[in-house]
Amino acid sequence: AMANVPANEMTLFLSRQAEIAFQANDFAKAERAFLRLQELNPNDQRIANNLAIVRARMGNSAGALQALQQAVQTAE
């Protein structure tokens, strides 16, 4: 059903979903939403930063570092 949703609307939907999941401490769901967001918006540094924060909260410091390094590469 989601296939026909325009990318910009999908981005809004996923951002909202990620935000709600994060506030509910459902970091696994938030991580999935941020990963999908990253696929849609590969050059958005905020998404990479948010992904890093979520992974850090999950205790995944290696994954957080990876997301931050991606954000740095994107910025260059």
PDB file of N, CA and C in Angstrom:
ATOM      1  N   ALA A   1       0.825  -1.203   0.000  1.00  0.00           N
ATOM      2  CA  ALA A   1       0.000   0.000   0.000  1.00  0.00           C
ATOM      3  C   ALA A   1       0.864   1.259   0.000  1.00  0.00           C
ATOM      4  N   MET A   2       2.074   1.153   0.595  1.00  0.00           N
ATOM      5  CA  MET A   2       2.939   2.320   0.718  1.00  0.00           C
ATOM      6  C   MET A   2       3.682   2.639  -0.581  1.00  0.00           C
ATOM      7  N   ALA A   3       3.646   1.749  -1.543  1.00  0.00           N
ATOM      8  CA  ALA A   3       4.451   1.894  -2.759  1.00  0.00           C
ATOM      9  C   ALA A   3       4.126   3.157  -3.544  1.00  0.00           C
ATOM     10  N   ASN A   4       2.887   3.610  -3.484  1.00  0.00           N
ATOM     11  CA  ASN A   4       2.461   4.751  -4.293  1.00  0.00           C
ATOM     12  C   ASN A   4       2.648   6.096  -3.597  1.00  0.00           C
ATOM     13  N   VAL A   5       3.144   6.073  -2.385  1.00  0.00           N
ATOM     14  CA  VAL A   5       3.313   7.312  -1.631  1.00  0.00           C
ATOM     15  C   VAL A   5       4.529   8.070  -2.162  1.00  0.00           C
ATOM     16  N   PRO A   6       4.379   9.361  -2.492  1.00  0.00           N
ATOM     17  CA  PRO A   6       5.525  10.145  -2.953  1.00  0.00           C
ATOM     18  C   PRO A   6       6.633  10.209  -1.899  1.00  0.00           C
ATOM     19  N   ALA A   7       7.864  10.298  -2.356  1.00  0.00           N
ATOM     20  CA  ALA A   7       9.025  10.267  -1.452  1.00  0.00           C
ATOM     21  C   ALA A   7       8.947  11.314  -0.347  1.00  0.00           C
ATOM     22  N   ASN A   8       8.494  12.531  -0.690  1.00  0.00           N
ATOM     23  CA  ASN A   8       8.438  13.581   0.331  1.00  0.00           C
ATOM     24  C   ASN A   8       7.404  13.263   1.413  1.00  0.00           C
ATOM     25  N   GLU A   9       6.279  12.665   1.019  1.00  0.00           N
ATOM     26  CA  GLU A   9       5.258  12.269   2.004  1.00  0.00           C
ATOM     27  C   GLU A   9       5.757  11.091   2.838  1.00  0.00           C
ATOM     28  N   MET A  10       6.462  10.175   2.192  1.00  0.00           N
ATOM     29  CA  MET A  10       7.040   9.018   2.884  1.00  0.00           C
ATOM     30  C   MET A  10       8.043   9.501   3.924  1.00  0.00           C
ATOM     31  N   THR A  11       8.832  10.500   3.560  1.00  0.00           N
ATOM     32  CA  THR A  11       9.813  11.078   4.477  1.00  0.00           C
ATOM     33  C   THR A  11       9.123  11.653   5.713  1.00  0.00           C
ATOM     34  N   LEU A  12       8.036  12.394   5.493  1.00  0.00           N
ATOM     35  CA  LEU A  12       7.286  12.963   6.618  1.00  0.00           C
ATOM     36  C   LEU A  12       6.714  11.868   7.508  1.00  0.00           C
ATOM     37  N   PHE A  13       6.132  10.856   6.873  1.00  0.00           N
ATOM     38  CA  PHE A  13       5.532   9.735   7.599  1.00  0.00           C
ATOM     39  C   PHE A  13       6.582   9.017   8.446  1.00  0.00           C
ATOM     40  N   LEU A  14       7.710   8.698   7.840  1.00  0.00           N
ATOM     41  CA  LEU A  14       8.773   7.973   8.544  1.00  0.00           C
ATOM     42  C   LEU A  14       9.405   8.816   9.644  1.00  0.00           C
ATOM     43  N   SER A  15       9.552  10.118   9.399  1.00  0.00           N
ATOM     44  CA  SER A  15      10.109  11.017  10.415  1.00  0.00           C
ATOM     45  C   SER A  15       9.228  11.018  11.650  1.00  0.00           C
ATOM     46  N   ARG A  16       7.926  11.107  11.411  1.00  0.00           N
ATOM     47  CA  ARG A  16       6.953  11.107  12.508  1.00  0.00           C
ATOM     48  C   ARG A  16       7.006   9.767  13.254  1.00  0.00           C
ATOM     49  N   GLN A  17       7.065   8.686  12.484  1.00  0.00           N
ATOM     50  CA  GLN A  17       7.120   7.343  13.067  1.00  0.00           C
ATOM     51  C   GLN A  17       8.378   7.180  13.922  1.00  0.00           C
ATOM     52  N   ALA A  18       9.497   7.642  13.406  1.00  0.00           N
ATOM     53  CA  ALA A  18      10.773   7.548  14.123  1.00  0.00           C
ATOM     54  C   ALA A  18      10.719   8.346  15.418  1.00  0.00           C
ATOM     55  N   GLU A  19      10.142   9.543  15.338  1.00  0.00           N
ATOM     56  CA  GLU A  19      10.028  10.427  16.492  1.00  0.00           C
ATOM     57  C   GLU A  19       9.184   9.785  17.595  1.00  0.00           C
ATOM     58  N   ILE A  20       8.034   9.244  17.198  1.00  0.00           N
ATOM     59  CA  ILE A  20       7.120   8.595  18.151  1.00  0.00           C
ATOM     60  C   ILE A  20       7.784   7.377  18.787  1.00  0.00           C
ATOM     61  N   ALA A  21       8.434   6.564  17.955  1.00  0.00           N
ATOM     62  CA  ALA A  21       9.118   5.365  18.456  1.00  0.00           C
ATOM     63  C   ALA A  21      10.225   5.758  19.429  1.00  0.00           C
ATOM     64  N   PHE A  22      10.978   6.790  19.078  1.00  0.00           N
ATOM     65  CA  PHE A  22      12.085   7.243  19.927  1.00  0.00           C
ATOM     66  C   PHE A  22      11.562   7.701  21.284  1.00  0.00           C
ATOM     67  N   GLN A  23      10.489   8.492  21.274  1.00  0.00           N
ATOM     68  CA  GLN A  23       9.912   8.997  22.528  1.00  0.00           C
ATOM     69  C   GLN A  23       9.360   7.862  23.383  1.00  0.00           C
ATOM     70  N   ALA A  24       8.945   6.776  22.724  1.00  0.00           N
ATOM     71  CA  ALA A  24       8.416   5.614  23.442  1.00  0.00           C
ATOM     72  C   ALA A  24       9.534   4.644  23.839  1.00  0.00           C
ATOM     73  N   ASN A  25      10.784   5.061  23.599  1.00  0.00           N
ATOM     74  CA  ASN A  25      11.952   4.206  23.861  1.00  0.00           C
ATOM     75  C   ASN A  25      11.931   2.915  23.054  1.00  0.00           C
ATOM     76  N   ASP A  26      11.238   2.934  21.911  1.00  0.00           N
ATOM     77  CA  ASP A  26      11.237   1.783  21.008  1.00  0.00           C
ATOM     78  C   ASP A  26      12.327   2.038  19.960  1.00  0.00           C
ATOM     79  N   PHE A  27      13.577   1.838  20.396  1.00  0.00           N
ATOM     80  CA  PHE A  27      14.711   2.226  19.572  1.00  0.00           C
ATOM     81  C   PHE A  27      14.875   1.350  18.338  1.00  0.00           C
ATOM     82  N   ALA A  28      14.459   0.099  18.422  1.00  0.00           N
ATOM     83  CA  ALA A  28      14.551  -0.792  17.259  1.00  0.00           C
ATOM     84  C   ALA A  28      13.653  -0.274  16.133  1.00  0.00           C
ATOM     85  N   LYS A  29      12.446   0.138  16.496  1.00  0.00           N
ATOM     86  CA  LYS A  29      11.511   0.676  15.505  1.00  0.00           C
ATOM     87  C   LYS A  29      12.022   2.011  14.959  1.00  0.00           C
ATOM     88  N   ALA A  30      12.557   2.835  15.843  1.00  0.00           N
ATOM     89  CA  ALA A  30      13.111   4.127  15.426  1.00  0.00           C
ATOM     90  C   ALA A  30      14.276   3.912  14.459  1.00  0.00           C
ATOM     91  N   GLU A  31      15.120   2.947  14.771  1.00  0.00           N
ATOM     92  CA  GLU A  31      16.269   2.653  13.904  1.00  0.00           C
ATOM     93  C   GLU A  31      15.800   2.231  12.513  1.00  0.00           C
ATOM     94  N   ARG A  32      14.806   1.361  12.457  1.00  0.00           N
ATOM     95  CA  ARG A  32      14.267   0.925  11.150  1.00  0.00           C
ATOM     96  C   ARG A  32      13.736   2.118  10.353  1.00  0.00           C
ATOM     97  N   ALA A  33      13.011   3.007  11.033  1.00  0.00           N
ATOM     98  CA  ALA A  33      12.456   4.184  10.357  1.00  0.00           C
ATOM     99  C   ALA A  33      13.575   5.089   9.843  1.00  0.00           C
ATOM    100  N   PHE A  34      14.608   5.304  10.662  1.00  0.00           N
ATOM    101  CA  PHE A  34      15.717   6.154  10.233  1.00  0.00           C
ATOM    102  C   PHE A  34      16.499   5.532   9.073  1.00  0.00           C
ATOM    103  N   LEU A  35      16.623   4.204   9.075  1.00  0.00           N
ATOM    104  CA  LEU A  35      17.309   3.531   7.964  1.00  0.00           C
ATOM    105  C   LEU A  35      16.539   3.705   6.659  1.00  0.00           C
ATOM    106  N   ARG A  36      15.210   3.606   6.730  1.00  0.00           N
ATOM    107  CA  ARG A  36      14.372   3.832   5.540  1.00  0.00           C
ATOM    108  C   ARG A  36      14.485   5.292   5.089  1.00  0.00           C
ATOM    109  N   LEU A  37      14.506   6.204   6.058  1.00  0.00           N
ATOM    110  CA  LEU A  37      14.661   7.622   5.746  1.00  0.00           C
ATOM    111  C   LEU A  37      15.980   7.876   5.033  1.00  0.00           C
ATOM    112  N   GLN A  38      17.012   7.183   5.485  1.00  0.00           N
ATOM    113  CA  GLN A  38      18.330   7.348   4.897  1.00  0.00           C
ATOM    114  C   GLN A  38      18.349   6.872   3.443  1.00  0.00           C
ATOM    115  N   GLU A  39      17.614   5.805   3.166  1.00  0.00           N
ATOM    116  CA  GLU A  39      17.518   5.317   1.781  1.00  0.00           C
ATOM    117  C   GLU A  39      16.861   6.375   0.894  1.00  0.00           C
ATOM    118  N   LEU A  40      15.841   7.041   1.429  1.00  0.00           N
ATOM    119  CA  LEU A  40      15.114   8.057   0.661  1.00  0.00           C
ATOM    120  C   LEU A  40      15.890   9.371   0.563  1.00  0.00           C
ATOM    121  N   ASN A  41      16.672   9.670   1.608  1.00  0.00           N
ATOM    122  CA  ASN A  41      17.394  10.950   1.681  1.00  0.00           C
ATOM    123  C   ASN A  41      18.856  10.707   2.062  1.00  0.00           C
ATOM    124  N   PRO A  42      19.621  10.091   1.168  1.00  0.00           N
ATOM    125  CA  PRO A  42      20.990   9.679   1.522  1.00  0.00           C
ATOM    126  C   PRO A  42      21.918  10.832   1.900  1.00  0.00           C
ATOM    127  N   ASN A  43      21.587  12.060   1.522  1.00  0.00           N
ATOM    128  CA  ASN A  43      22.480  13.182   1.813  1.00  0.00           C
ATOM    129  C   ASN A  43      22.042  14.024   3.003  1.00  0.00           C
ATOM    130  N   ASP A  44      21.039  13.549   3.727  1.00  0.00           N
ATOM    131  CA  ASP A  44      20.539  14.314   4.873  1.00  0.00           C
ATOM    132  C   ASP A  44      21.316  13.947   6.129  1.00  0.00           C
ATOM    133  N   GLN A  45      22.132  14.900   6.579  1.00  0.00           N
ATOM    134  CA  GLN A  45      22.987  14.673   7.744  1.00  0.00           C
ATOM    135  C   GLN A  45      22.206  14.466   9.030  1.00  0.00           C
ATOM    136  N   ARG A  46      21.054  15.144   9.131  1.00  0.00           N
ATOM    137  CA  ARG A  46      20.251  15.027  10.364  1.00  0.00           C
ATOM    138  C   ARG A  46      19.805  13.592  10.585  1.00  0.00           C
ATOM    139  N   ILE A  47      19.465  12.920   9.493  1.00  0.00           N
ATOM    140  CA  ILE A  47      19.022  11.524   9.602  1.00  0.00           C
ATOM    141  C   ILE A  47      20.153  10.652  10.137  1.00  0.00           C
ATOM    142  N   ALA A  48      21.338  10.837   9.599  1.00  0.00           N
ATOM    143  CA  ALA A  48      22.505  10.076  10.070  1.00  0.00           C
ATOM    144  C   ALA A  48      22.784  10.370  11.542  1.00  0.00           C
ATOM    145  N   ASN A  49      22.657  11.643  11.933  1.00  0.00           N
ATOM    146  CA  ASN A  49      22.855  12.023  13.337  1.00  0.00           C
ATOM    147  C   ASN A  49      21.822  11.359  14.237  1.00  0.00           C
ATOM    148  N   ASN A  50      20.566  11.377  13.802  1.00  0.00           N
ATOM    149  CA  ASN A  50      19.491  10.750  14.580  1.00  0.00           C
ATOM    150  C   ASN A  50      19.715   9.249  14.703  1.00  0.00           C
ATOM    151  N   LEU A  51      20.151   8.644  13.608  1.00  0.00           N
ATOM    152  CA  LEU A  51      20.443   7.213  13.614  1.00  0.00           C
ATOM    153  C   LEU A  51      21.545   6.915  14.629  1.00  0.00           C
ATOM    154  N   ALA A  52      22.555   7.766  14.671  1.00  0.00           N
ATOM    155  CA  ALA A  52      23.653   7.605  15.629  1.00  0.00           C
ATOM    156  C   ALA A  52      23.134   7.685  17.065  1.00  0.00           C
ATOM    157  N   ILE A  53      22.247   8.645  17.324  1.00  0.00           N
ATOM    158  CA  ILE A  53      21.685   8.819  18.669  1.00  0.00           C
ATOM    159  C   ILE A  53      20.890   7.582  19.073  1.00  0.00           C
ATOM    160  N   VAL A  54      20.062   7.090  18.153  1.00  0.00           N
ATOM    161  CA  VAL A  54      19.240   5.909  18.427  1.00  0.00           C
ATOM    162  C   VAL A  54      20.137   4.708  18.741  1.00  0.00           C
ATOM    163  N   ARG A  55      21.168   4.513  17.929  1.00  0.00           N
ATOM    164  CA  ARG A  55      22.065   3.374  18.141  1.00  0.00           C
ATOM    165  C   ARG A  55      22.829   3.502  19.449  1.00  0.00           C
ATOM    166  N   ALA A  56      23.204   4.714  19.801  1.00  0.00           N
ATOM    167  CA  ALA A  56      23.890   4.933  21.080  1.00  0.00           C
ATOM    168  C   ALA A  56      22.962   4.569  22.235  1.00  0.00           C
ATOM    169  N   ARG A  57      21.691   4.958  22.129  1.00  0.00           N
ATOM    170  CA  ARG A  57      20.719   4.636  23.168  1.00  0.00           C
ATOM    171  C   ARG A  57      20.491   3.128  23.270  1.00  0.00           C
ATOM    172  N   MET A  58      20.668   2.426  22.139  1.00  0.00           N
ATOM    173  CA  MET A  58      20.504   0.970  22.113  1.00  0.00           C
ATOM    174  C   MET A  58      21.749   0.257  22.640  1.00  0.00           C
ATOM    175  N   GLY A  59      22.792   1.033  22.941  1.00  0.00           N
ATOM    176  CA  GLY A  59      24.039   0.447  23.400  1.00  0.00           C
ATOM    177  C   GLY A  59      24.914  -0.027  22.252  1.00  0.00           C
ATOM    178  N   ASN A  60      24.568   0.395  21.033  1.00  0.00           N
ATOM    179  CA  ASN A  60      25.333  -0.005  19.847  1.00  0.00           C
ATOM    180  C   ASN A  60      26.282   1.125  19.476  1.00  0.00           C
ATOM    181  N   SER A  61      27.406   1.231  20.219  1.00  0.00           N
ATOM    182  CA  SER A  61      28.324   2.346  19.990  1.00  0.00           C
ATOM    183  C   SER A  61      29.046   2.223  18.651  1.00  0.00           C
ATOM    184  N   ALA A  62      29.327   1.004  18.204  1.00  0.00           N
ATOM    185  CA  ALA A  62      29.970   0.810  16.899  1.00  0.00           C
ATOM    186  C   ALA A  62      29.052   1.286  15.779  1.00  0.00           C
ATOM    187  N   GLY A  63      27.765   0.934  15.870  1.00  0.00           N
ATOM    188  CA  GLY A  63      26.780   1.364  14.887  1.00  0.00           C
ATOM    189  C   GLY A  63      26.577   2.866  14.901  1.00  0.00           C
ATOM    190  N   ALA A  64      26.621   3.449  16.108  1.00  0.00           N
ATOM    191  CA  ALA A  64      26.483   4.901  16.252  1.00  0.00           C
ATOM    192  C   ALA A  64      27.647   5.603  15.573  1.00  0.00           C
ATOM    193  N   LEU A  65      28.837   5.101  15.806  1.00  0.00           N
ATOM    194  CA  LEU A  65      30.044   5.670  15.199  1.00  0.00           C
ATOM    195  C   LEU A  65      29.972   5.577  13.677  1.00  0.00           C
ATOM    196  N   GLN A  66      29.512   4.445  13.194  1.00  0.00           N
ATOM    197  CA  GLN A  66      29.367   4.230  11.750  1.00  0.00           C
ATOM    198  C   GLN A  66      28.410   5.263  11.149  1.00  0.00           C
ATOM    199  N   ALA A  67      27.296   5.490  11.814  1.00  0.00           N
ATOM    200  CA  ALA A  67      26.308   6.465  11.335  1.00  0.00           C
ATOM    201  C   ALA A  67      26.899   7.871  11.323  1.00  0.00           C
ATOM    202  N   LEU A  68      27.678   8.201  12.354  1.00  0.00           N
ATOM    203  CA  LEU A  68      28.307   9.520  12.419  1.00  0.00           C
ATOM    204  C   LEU A  68      29.360   9.691  11.329  1.00  0.00           C
ATOM    205  N   GLN A  69      30.119   8.632  11.072  1.00  0.00           N
ATOM    206  CA  GLN A  69      31.123   8.689  10.002  1.00  0.00           C
ATOM    207  C   GLN A  69      30.442   8.886   8.648  1.00  0.00           C
ATOM    208  N   GLN A  70      29.290   8.260   8.469  1.00  0.00           N
ATOM    209  CA  GLN A  70      28.505   8.450   7.257  1.00  0.00           C
ATOM    210  C   GLN A  70      28.071   9.907   7.138  1.00  0.00           C
ATOM    211  N   ALA A  71      27.653  10.485   8.237  1.00  0.00           N
ATOM    212  CA  ALA A  71      27.209  11.879   8.254  1.00  0.00           C
ATOM    213  C   ALA A  71      28.351  12.808   7.873  1.00  0.00           C
ATOM    214  N   VAL A  72      29.542  12.512   8.376  1.00  0.00           N
ATOM    215  CA  VAL A  72      30.729  13.325   8.069  1.00  0.00           C
ATOM    216  C   VAL A  72      31.067  13.216   6.585  1.00  0.00           C
ATOM    217  N   GLN A  73      31.037  12.001   6.048  1.00  0.00           N
ATOM    218  CA  GLN A  73      31.335  11.789   4.631  1.00  0.00           C
ATOM    219  C   GLN A  73      30.305  12.514   3.758  1.00  0.00           C
ATOM    220  N   THR A  74      29.060  12.500   4.184  1.00  0.00           N
ATOM    221  CA  THR A  74      27.989  13.163   3.444  1.00  0.00           C
ATOM    222  C   THR A  74      28.235  14.666   3.386  1.00  0.00           C
ATOM    223  N   ALA A  75      28.758  15.204   4.484  1.00  0.00           N
ATOM    224  CA  ALA A  75      28.978  16.648   4.594  1.00  0.00           C
ATOM    225  C   ALA A  75      30.120  17.129   3.706  1.00  0.00           C
ATOM    226  N   GLU A  76      31.055  16.259   3.404  1.00  0.00           N
ATOM    227  CA  GLU A  76      32.259  16.655   2.650  1.00  0.00           C
ATOM    228  C   GLU A  76      31.979  16.943   1.183  1.00  0.00           C
TER     229      GLU A  76
END
